[in-house]
Amino acid sequence: MAIGDSFMAAGSNAAAITGPVGTACNQATDNVAHLVASSFPQMTFADYSCVGALTTDVYAPSTRGPQNVGLSPATKVAIVSIGGNDAGFEQIATDCLFALSCPPEKKAQFSANVASVGPKLTGAYAAIRQAAPNARVFTVGYLPILPPDAKGCLVGLINTQETINFLNGLQRQLNDTIVAESSKAGFTPVIPATSSDHSVCAADFQRYVSMTGAGAGDEGIPMHPTAPGRQYVAERVAIAMRSAGVQGT
């Protein structure tokens, strides 16, 4: 069972777009959720993730929820990627990353947005546990979007290194919040590694996230996981599941 936002739901533009009946969910059949499911063919799989989902869409009626209607006491495994839209990642990209400047008032706003995610995850995770009391739940963090040093890259040309550092700090804070809230809920966090550069500035076929989604090897949508990125995340989740005793092929 998959729950989440576009980092779980989105895939390539060429993939078929599906979603639960009666919702406005956009899901690609080559998204992270489906890739994870392909590693566990003996398990019944359902994808309730939606592009644009907020933490409230996990449990509240909306065009993208409630996503936890797919959960039950019989659910054995759930994978969750949520919180990025509550943090305002799209607004951060529009008003800071691609705005040629990131003034102090915007930084204060974005910092407050990210700081507010913790209590929202608490509510979403509690709703998941209530709906699926017997499930092993794996929470998926967000792939690094920017490199530590953006020299020679477009984002480095239109931003100062101080801005790059600030934005990377926000993403680390969000992933740290996911880890902390997962620990409180008894969930298993799966956080992408940051030891090597697979950011928007990486070479063709090496990017895990793409600015356009249209570069060589990307097969994605703008500012979202590429085909290699989706495969990497799915493999990390599958490894975590097997380590927890979930049986694969």
C-alpha atoms as a PDB file:
ATOM      1  CA  MET A   1       0.000   0.000   0.000  1.00  0.00           C
ATOM      2  CA  ALA A   2       1.465   3.359  -1.052  1.00  0.00           C
ATOM      3  CA  ILE A   3       0.507   6.761   0.334  1.00  0.00           C
ATOM      4  CA  GLY A   4       2.052  10.086  -0.522  1.00  0.00           C
ATOM      5  CA  ASP A   5       2.728  12.992  -2.817  1.00  0.00           C
ATOM      6  CA  SER A   6       4.392  13.393  -6.203  1.00  0.00           C
ATOM      7  CA  PHE A   7       7.753  12.017  -5.053  1.00  0.00           C
ATOM      8  CA  MET A   8       5.873   8.734  -4.650  1.00  0.00           C
ATOM      9  CA  ALA A   9       3.236   9.151  -7.367  1.00  0.00           C
ATOM     10  CA  ALA A  10       4.979  10.825 -10.313  1.00  0.00           C
ATOM     11  CA  GLY A  11       6.908   9.022 -13.013  1.00  0.00           C
ATOM     12  CA  SER A  12       7.674   9.577 -16.675  1.00  0.00           C
ATOM     13  CA  ASN A  13       5.494  11.534 -19.064  1.00  0.00           C
ATOM     14  CA  ALA A  14       5.324   8.449 -21.262  1.00  0.00           C
ATOM     15  CA  ALA A  15       3.799   6.253 -18.555  1.00  0.00           C
ATOM     16  CA  ALA A  16       0.097   5.582 -18.244  1.00  0.00           C
ATOM     17  CA  ILE A  17      -1.587   7.835 -15.693  1.00  0.00           C
ATOM     18  CA  THR A  18      -3.886   6.111 -13.228  1.00  0.00           C
ATOM     19  CA  GLY A  19      -5.440   6.781  -9.840  1.00  0.00           C
ATOM     20  CA  PRO A  20      -8.091   5.546  -7.420  1.00  0.00           C
ATOM     21  CA  VAL A  21     -11.612   5.761  -8.814  1.00  0.00           C
ATOM     22  CA  GLY A  22     -13.439   8.902  -7.744  1.00  0.00           C
ATOM     23  CA  THR A  23     -10.327  10.955  -7.017  1.00  0.00           C
ATOM     24  CA  ALA A  24      -8.236  13.509  -8.874  1.00  0.00           C
ATOM     25  CA  CYS A  25      -5.029  11.601  -8.192  1.00  0.00           C
ATOM     26  CA  ASN A  26      -2.381  11.554 -10.879  1.00  0.00           C
ATOM     27  CA  GLN A  27      -0.150   8.506 -10.704  1.00  0.00           C
ATOM     28  CA  ALA A  28       2.324   7.101 -13.195  1.00  0.00           C
ATOM     29  CA  THR A  29       2.641   3.374 -13.649  1.00  0.00           C
ATOM     30  CA  ASP A  30       6.441   3.692 -13.436  1.00  0.00           C
ATOM     31  CA  ASN A  31       6.446   5.634 -10.172  1.00  0.00           C
ATOM     32  CA  VAL A  32       8.315   4.678  -7.003  1.00  0.00           C
ATOM     33  CA  ALA A  33       5.296   2.866  -5.578  1.00  0.00           C
ATOM     34  CA  HIS A  34       4.967   0.589  -8.602  1.00  0.00           C
ATOM     35  CA  LEU A  35       8.713  -0.049  -8.718  1.00  0.00           C
ATOM     36  CA  VAL A  36       8.687  -1.156  -5.089  1.00  0.00           C
ATOM     37  CA  ALA A  37       5.684  -3.384  -5.765  1.00  0.00           C
ATOM     38  CA  SER A  38       7.520  -5.072  -8.637  1.00  0.00           C
ATOM     39  CA  SER A  39      10.088  -6.364  -6.125  1.00  0.00           C
ATOM     40  CA  PHE A  40       7.346  -8.075  -4.117  1.00  0.00           C
ATOM     41  CA  PRO A  41       5.085  -9.699  -6.733  1.00  0.00           C
ATOM     42  CA  GLN A  42       3.540 -12.074  -4.200  1.00  0.00           C
ATOM     43  CA  MET A  43       1.996  -9.144  -2.293  1.00  0.00           C
ATOM     44  CA  THR A  44      -1.303  -7.490  -3.205  1.00  0.00           C
ATOM     45  CA  PHE A  45      -0.529  -3.859  -4.013  1.00  0.00           C
ATOM     46  CA  ALA A  46      -2.559  -0.649  -4.053  1.00  0.00           C
ATOM     47  CA  ASP A  47      -1.320   2.858  -4.837  1.00  0.00           C
ATOM     48  CA  TYR A  48      -3.205   5.744  -3.209  1.00  0.00           C
ATOM     49  CA  SER A  49      -0.469   8.355  -3.641  1.00  0.00           C
ATOM     50  CA  CYS A  50      -1.370  11.561  -5.459  1.00  0.00           C
ATOM     51  CA  VAL A  51       0.589  14.345  -7.122  1.00  0.00           C
ATOM     52  CA  GLY A  52       0.158  17.476  -5.007  1.00  0.00           C
ATOM     53  CA  ALA A  53      -0.899  15.698  -1.814  1.00  0.00           C
ATOM     54  CA  LEU A  54      -0.595  17.339   1.601  1.00  0.00           C
ATOM     55  CA  THR A  55      -0.399  15.617   4.965  1.00  0.00           C
ATOM     56  CA  THR A  56      -4.123  16.284   5.471  1.00  0.00           C
ATOM     57  CA  ASP A  57      -4.875  14.289   2.314  1.00  0.00           C
ATOM     58  CA  VAL A  58      -3.737  11.196   4.189  1.00  0.00           C
ATOM     59  CA  TYR A  59      -6.858  11.261   6.372  1.00  0.00           C
ATOM     60  CA  ALA A  60      -9.245  14.042   5.252  1.00  0.00           C
ATOM     61  CA  PRO A  61     -11.701  13.975   2.327  1.00  0.00           C
ATOM     62  CA  SER A  62     -10.371  15.948  -0.648  1.00  0.00           C
ATOM     63  CA  THR A  63      -9.667  15.536  -4.342  1.00  0.00           C
ATOM     64  CA  ARG A  64      -6.482  13.700  -3.262  1.00  0.00           C
ATOM     65  CA  GLY A  65      -7.788  11.863  -0.233  1.00  0.00           C
ATOM     66  CA  PRO A  66      -8.367  10.442   2.206  1.00  0.00           C
ATOM     67  CA  GLN A  67      -5.581   8.136   1.152  1.00  0.00           C
ATOM     68  CA  ASN A  68      -5.801   5.999   4.275  1.00  0.00           C
ATOM     69  CA  VAL A  69      -9.109   4.511   3.081  1.00  0.00           C
ATOM     70  CA  GLY A  70      -6.956   1.905   1.376  1.00  0.00           C
ATOM     71  CA  LEU A  71      -5.546   0.781   4.722  1.00  0.00           C
ATOM     72  CA  SER A  72      -7.060  -1.796   7.056  1.00  0.00           C
ATOM     73  CA  PRO A  73      -6.072  -4.094   9.924  1.00  0.00           C
ATOM     74  CA  ALA A  74      -5.146  -6.621   7.228  1.00  0.00           C
ATOM     75  CA  THR A  75      -2.571  -4.289   5.641  1.00  0.00           C
ATOM     76  CA  LYS A  76       0.900  -5.737   6.138  1.00  0.00           C
ATOM     77  CA  VAL A  77       3.080  -3.013   4.599  1.00  0.00           C
ATOM     78  CA  ALA A  78       2.654   0.684   3.838  1.00  0.00           C
ATOM     79  CA  ILE A  79       5.155   3.022   2.205  1.00  0.00           C
ATOM     80  CA  VAL A  80       4.682   6.745   2.742  1.00  0.00           C
ATOM     81  CA  SER A  81       6.190   9.889   1.199  1.00  0.00           C
ATOM     82  CA  ILE A  82       4.514  13.045   2.473  1.00  0.00           C
ATOM     83  CA  GLY A  83       5.404  16.486   3.836  1.00  0.00           C
ATOM     84  CA  GLY A  84       7.157  18.198   0.934  1.00  0.00           C
ATOM     85  CA  ASN A  85       4.087  20.112  -0.193  1.00  0.00           C
ATOM     86  CA  ASP A  86       3.357  21.185   3.378  1.00  0.00           C
ATOM     87  CA  ALA A  87       6.905  22.547   3.468  1.00  0.00           C
ATOM     88  CA  GLY A  88       6.114  24.525   0.313  1.00  0.00           C
ATOM     89  CA  PHE A  89       8.786  23.067  -1.956  1.00  0.00           C
ATOM     90  CA  GLU A  90       7.058  24.309  -5.103  1.00  0.00           C
ATOM     91  CA  GLN A  91       6.835  27.825  -3.694  1.00  0.00           C
ATOM     92  CA  ILE A  92      10.459  27.661  -2.580  1.00  0.00           C
ATOM     93  CA  ALA A  93      11.496  26.800  -6.136  1.00  0.00           C
ATOM     94  CA  THR A  94       9.375  29.584  -7.624  1.00  0.00           C
ATOM     95  CA  ASP A  95      10.080  32.354  -5.122  1.00  0.00           C
ATOM     96  CA  CYS A  96      13.678  31.587  -4.268  1.00  0.00           C
ATOM     97  CA  LEU A  97      15.559  29.066  -6.400  1.00  0.00           C
ATOM     98  CA  PHE A  98      14.433  30.469  -9.766  1.00  0.00           C
ATOM     99  CA  ALA A  99      13.701  34.045  -8.645  1.00  0.00           C
ATOM    100  CA  LEU A 100      17.331  35.231  -8.944  1.00  0.00           C
ATOM    101  CA  SER A 101      17.236  36.238  -5.269  1.00  0.00           C
ATOM    102  CA  CYS A 102      16.001  34.881  -1.963  1.00  0.00           C
ATOM    103  CA  PRO A 103      15.318  37.852   0.344  1.00  0.00           C
ATOM    104  CA  PRO A 104      15.293  37.517   4.133  1.00  0.00           C
ATOM    105  CA  GLU A 105      11.502  37.647   4.396  1.00  0.00           C
ATOM    106  CA  LYS A 106      11.191  34.690   2.024  1.00  0.00           C
ATOM    107  CA  LYS A 107      13.801  32.739   3.937  1.00  0.00           C
ATOM    108  CA  ALA A 108      11.919  33.386   7.168  1.00  0.00           C
ATOM    109  CA  GLN A 109       8.668  32.224   5.568  1.00  0.00           C
ATOM    110  CA  PHE A 110      10.201  29.045   4.161  1.00  0.00           C
ATOM    111  CA  SER A 111      11.962  28.245   7.436  1.00  0.00           C
ATOM    112  CA  ALA A 112       8.645  28.579   9.267  1.00  0.00           C
ATOM    113  CA  ASN A 113       6.927  26.338   6.710  1.00  0.00           C
ATOM    114  CA  VAL A 114       9.459  23.554   7.174  1.00  0.00           C
ATOM    115  CA  ALA A 115       9.345  23.935  10.959  1.00  0.00           C
ATOM    116  CA  SER A 116       5.565  23.430  10.850  1.00  0.00           C
ATOM    117  CA  VAL A 117       5.785  20.032   9.153  1.00  0.00           C
ATOM    118  CA  GLY A 118       6.550  18.011  12.286  1.00  0.00           C
ATOM    119  CA  PRO A 119       3.114  18.318  13.934  1.00  0.00           C
ATOM    120  CA  LYS A 120       1.452  17.721  10.569  1.00  0.00           C
ATOM    121  CA  LEU A 121       3.381  14.483  10.138  1.00  0.00           C
ATOM    122  CA  THR A 122       2.389  13.494  13.661  1.00  0.00           C
ATOM    123  CA  GLY A 123      -1.266  13.694  12.644  1.00  0.00           C
ATOM    124  CA  ALA A 124      -0.781  11.937   9.320  1.00  0.00           C
ATOM    125  CA  TYR A 125       1.275   9.125  10.829  1.00  0.00           C
ATOM    126  CA  ALA A 126      -1.269   8.645  13.624  1.00  0.00           C
ATOM    127  CA  ALA A 127      -4.043   8.300  11.037  1.00  0.00           C
ATOM    128  CA  ILE A 128      -2.008   5.686   9.180  1.00  0.00           C
ATOM    129  CA  ARG A 129      -1.362   3.693  12.332  1.00  0.00           C
ATOM    130  CA  GLN A 130      -5.001   3.871  13.380  1.00  0.00           C
ATOM    131  CA  ALA A 131      -6.150   2.595   9.986  1.00  0.00           C
ATOM    132  CA  ALA A 132      -3.448  -0.079   9.731  1.00  0.00           C
ATOM    133  CA  PRO A 133      -2.544  -1.142  13.272  1.00  0.00           C
ATOM    134  CA  ASN A 134      -0.675  -4.244  12.131  1.00  0.00           C
ATOM    135  CA  ALA A 135       1.303  -2.813   9.215  1.00  0.00           C
ATOM    136  CA  ARG A 136       5.018  -2.256   8.934  1.00  0.00           C
ATOM    137  CA  VAL A 137       5.252   1.356   7.773  1.00  0.00           C
ATOM    138  CA  PHE A 138       8.217   2.729   5.825  1.00  0.00           C
ATOM    139  CA  THR A 139       8.513   6.501   5.460  1.00  0.00           C
ATOM    140  CA  VAL A 140      10.468   7.775   2.473  1.00  0.00           C
ATOM    141  CA  GLY A 141      12.513  10.961   2.614  1.00  0.00           C
ATOM    142  CA  TYR A 142      13.189  13.330  -0.253  1.00  0.00           C
ATOM    143  CA  LEU A 143      16.035  13.009  -2.736  1.00  0.00           C
ATOM    144  CA  PRO A 144      18.602  15.839  -2.592  1.00  0.00           C
ATOM    145  CA  ILE A 145      17.644  18.390  -5.225  1.00  0.00           C
ATOM    146  CA  LEU A 146      20.693  20.676  -5.156  1.00  0.00           C
ATOM    147  CA  PRO A 147      24.410  19.876  -4.890  1.00  0.00           C
ATOM    148  CA  PRO A 148      26.556  21.104  -1.994  1.00  0.00           C
ATOM    149  CA  ASP A 149      28.433  23.313  -4.470  1.00  0.00           C
ATOM    150  CA  ALA A 150      26.562  24.543  -7.544  1.00  0.00           C
ATOM    151  CA  LYS A 151      29.497  26.112  -9.392  1.00  0.00           C
ATOM    152  CA  GLY A 152      29.246  25.523 -13.133  1.00  0.00           C
ATOM    153  CA  CYS A 153      25.550  24.643 -12.924  1.00  0.00           C
ATOM    154  CA  LEU A 154      22.569  26.806 -13.883  1.00  0.00           C
ATOM    155  CA  VAL A 155      21.305  27.026 -10.309  1.00  0.00           C
ATOM    156  CA  GLY A 156      24.780  28.176  -9.299  1.00  0.00           C
ATOM    157  CA  LEU A 157      24.734  30.920 -11.905  1.00  0.00           C
ATOM    158  CA  ILE A 158      21.422  32.367 -10.725  1.00  0.00           C
ATOM    159  CA  ASN A 159      21.933  31.838  -6.974  1.00  0.00           C
ATOM    160  CA  THR A 160      24.617  32.618  -4.439  1.00  0.00           C
ATOM    161  CA  GLN A 161      26.297  29.784  -2.589  1.00  0.00           C
ATOM    162  CA  GLU A 162      24.685  31.145   0.573  1.00  0.00           C
ATOM    163  CA  THR A 163      21.253  30.588  -0.985  1.00  0.00           C
ATOM    164  CA  ILE A 164      22.226  27.076  -2.083  1.00  0.00           C
ATOM    165  CA  ASN A 165      23.379  26.331   1.466  1.00  0.00           C
ATOM    166  CA  PHE A 166      20.111  27.681   2.872  1.00  0.00           C
ATOM    167  CA  LEU A 167      17.968  25.578   0.544  1.00  0.00           C
ATOM    168  CA  ASN A 168      19.992  22.439   1.212  1.00  0.00           C
ATOM    169  CA  GLY A 169      19.562  23.128   4.910  1.00  0.00           C
ATOM    170  CA  LEU A 170      15.789  23.255   4.507  1.00  0.00           C
ATOM    171  CA  GLN A 171      15.761  19.896   2.778  1.00  0.00           C
ATOM    172  CA  ARG A 172      17.976  18.319   5.424  1.00  0.00           C
ATOM    173  CA  GLN A 173      15.652  19.737   8.081  1.00  0.00           C
ATOM    174  CA  LEU A 174      12.635  18.196   6.359  1.00  0.00           C
ATOM    175  CA  ASN A 175      14.277  14.777   6.116  1.00  0.00           C
ATOM    176  CA  ASP A 176      15.428  15.035   9.738  1.00  0.00           C
ATOM    177  CA  THR A 177      11.835  15.812  10.720  1.00  0.00           C
ATOM    178  CA  ILE A 178      10.626  12.727   8.854  1.00  0.00           C
ATOM    179  CA  VAL A 179      13.157  10.625  10.763  1.00  0.00           C
ATOM    180  CA  ALA A 180      12.155  12.104  14.120  1.00  0.00           C
ATOM    181  CA  GLU A 181       8.418  11.743  13.566  1.00  0.00           C
ATOM    182  CA  SER A 182       8.869   8.230  12.181  1.00  0.00           C
ATOM    183  CA  SER A 183      10.740   7.234  15.319  1.00  0.00           C
ATOM    184  CA  LYS A 184       7.907   8.546  17.490  1.00  0.00           C
ATOM    185  CA  ALA A 185       5.354   6.609  15.443  1.00  0.00           C
ATOM    186  CA  GLY A 186       7.338   3.382  15.349  1.00  0.00           C
ATOM    187  CA  PHE A 187       7.822   3.639  11.586  1.00  0.00           C
ATOM    188  CA  THR A 188      10.994   2.901   9.607  1.00  0.00           C
ATOM    189  CA  PRO A 189      12.481   5.915   7.786  1.00  0.00           C
ATOM    190  CA  VAL A 190      14.217   5.444   4.444  1.00  0.00           C
ATOM    191  CA  ILE A 191      16.274   8.553   3.727  1.00  0.00           C
ATOM    192  CA  PRO A 192      18.195   8.912   0.433  1.00  0.00           C
ATOM    193  CA  ALA A 193      21.958   9.217   0.822  1.00  0.00           C
ATOM    194  CA  THR A 194      23.711  12.517   0.139  1.00  0.00           C
ATOM    195  CA  SER A 195      27.283  11.232  -0.128  1.00  0.00           C
ATOM    196  CA  SER A 196      27.488  11.631  -3.916  1.00  0.00           C
ATOM    197  CA  ASP A 197      26.064  14.177  -6.316  1.00  0.00           C
ATOM    198  CA  HIS A 198      23.004  12.992  -8.185  1.00  0.00           C
ATOM    199  CA  SER A 199      21.354  16.407  -7.964  1.00  0.00           C
ATOM    200  CA  VAL A 200      19.897  18.553 -10.736  1.00  0.00           C
ATOM    201  CA  CYS A 201      23.494  19.514 -11.557  1.00  0.00           C
ATOM    202  CA  ALA A 202      24.739  15.970 -12.166  1.00  0.00           C
ATOM    203  CA  ALA A 203      25.609  14.595 -15.595  1.00  0.00           C
ATOM    204  CA  ASP A 204      23.132  12.981 -17.976  1.00  0.00           C
ATOM    205  CA  PHE A 205      21.917   9.576 -16.763  1.00  0.00           C
ATOM    206  CA  GLN A 206      23.357  10.394 -13.300  1.00  0.00           C
ATOM    207  CA  ARG A 207      20.666  12.810 -12.123  1.00  0.00           C
ATOM    208  CA  TYR A 208      18.217  11.509  -9.538  1.00  0.00           C
ATOM    209  CA  VAL A 209      16.248  14.772  -9.739  1.00  0.00           C
ATOM    210  CA  SER A 210      15.923  16.959 -12.833  1.00  0.00           C
ATOM    211  CA  MET A 211      15.075  20.624 -13.343  1.00  0.00           C
ATOM    212  CA  THR A 212      13.200  19.892 -16.567  1.00  0.00           C
ATOM    213  CA  GLY A 213      12.562  16.153 -16.589  1.00  0.00           C
ATOM    214  CA  ALA A 214      13.522  16.214 -20.257  1.00  0.00           C
ATOM    215  CA  GLY A 215      17.289  15.693 -20.153  1.00  0.00           C
ATOM    216  CA  ALA A 216      19.047  12.574 -21.365  1.00  0.00           C
ATOM    217  CA  GLY A 217      18.049   9.712 -19.096  1.00  0.00           C
ATOM    218  CA  ASP A 218      15.641  11.803 -17.010  1.00  0.00           C
ATOM    219  CA  GLU A 219      12.241  10.404 -18.028  1.00  0.00           C
ATOM    220  CA  GLY A 220      10.484  12.506 -15.416  1.00  0.00           C
ATOM    221  CA  ILE A 221       8.726  15.771 -14.720  1.00  0.00           C
ATOM    222  CA  PRO A 222      10.373  19.057 -13.650  1.00  0.00           C
ATOM    223  CA  MET A 223      11.975  19.132 -10.181  1.00  0.00           C
ATOM    224  CA  HIS A 224      11.058  15.507  -9.496  1.00  0.00           C
ATOM    225  CA  PRO A 225      12.797  12.132  -9.495  1.00  0.00           C
ATOM    226  CA  THR A 226      14.204  10.892 -12.780  1.00  0.00           C
ATOM    227  CA  ALA A 227      14.064   7.275 -13.895  1.00  0.00           C
ATOM    228  CA  PRO A 228      17.408   6.535 -12.142  1.00  0.00           C
ATOM    229  CA  GLY A 229      16.187   8.450  -9.090  1.00  0.00           C
ATOM    230  CA  ARG A 230      12.944   6.522  -8.855  1.00  0.00           C
ATOM    231  CA  GLN A 231      14.810   3.246  -9.252  1.00  0.00           C
ATOM    232  CA  TYR A 232      17.292   4.240  -6.548  1.00  0.00           C
ATOM    233  CA  VAL A 233      14.555   5.144  -4.058  1.00  0.00           C
ATOM    234  CA  ALA A 234      12.598   1.978  -4.837  1.00  0.00           C
ATOM    235  CA  GLU A 235      15.704  -0.138  -4.263  1.00  0.00           C
ATOM    236  CA  ARG A 236      16.374   1.585  -0.925  1.00  0.00           C
ATOM    237  CA  VAL A 237      12.795   0.948   0.173  1.00  0.00           C
ATOM    238  CA  ALA A 238      12.942  -2.691  -0.937  1.00  0.00           C
ATOM    239  CA  ILE A 239      16.182  -3.204   0.996  1.00  0.00           C
ATOM    240  CA  ALA A 240      14.600  -1.700   4.119  1.00  0.00           C
ATOM    241  CA  MET A 241      11.540  -3.898   3.711  1.00  0.00           C
ATOM    242  CA  ARG A 242      13.593  -7.068   3.363  1.00  0.00           C
ATOM    243  CA  SER A 243      15.724  -6.075   6.352  1.00  0.00           C
ATOM    244  CA  ALA A 244      12.496  -5.808   8.335  1.00  0.00           C
ATOM    245  CA  GLY A 245      11.487  -9.318   7.317  1.00  0.00           C
ATOM    246  CA  VAL A 246       9.181  -8.567   4.402  1.00  0.00           C
ATOM    247  CA  GLN A 247       9.568 -11.437   1.955  1.00  0.00           C
ATOM    248  CA  GLY A 248      10.409 -10.684  -1.675  1.00  0.00           C
ATOM    249  CA  THR A 249      10.834 -12.865  -4.715  1.00  0.00           C
END
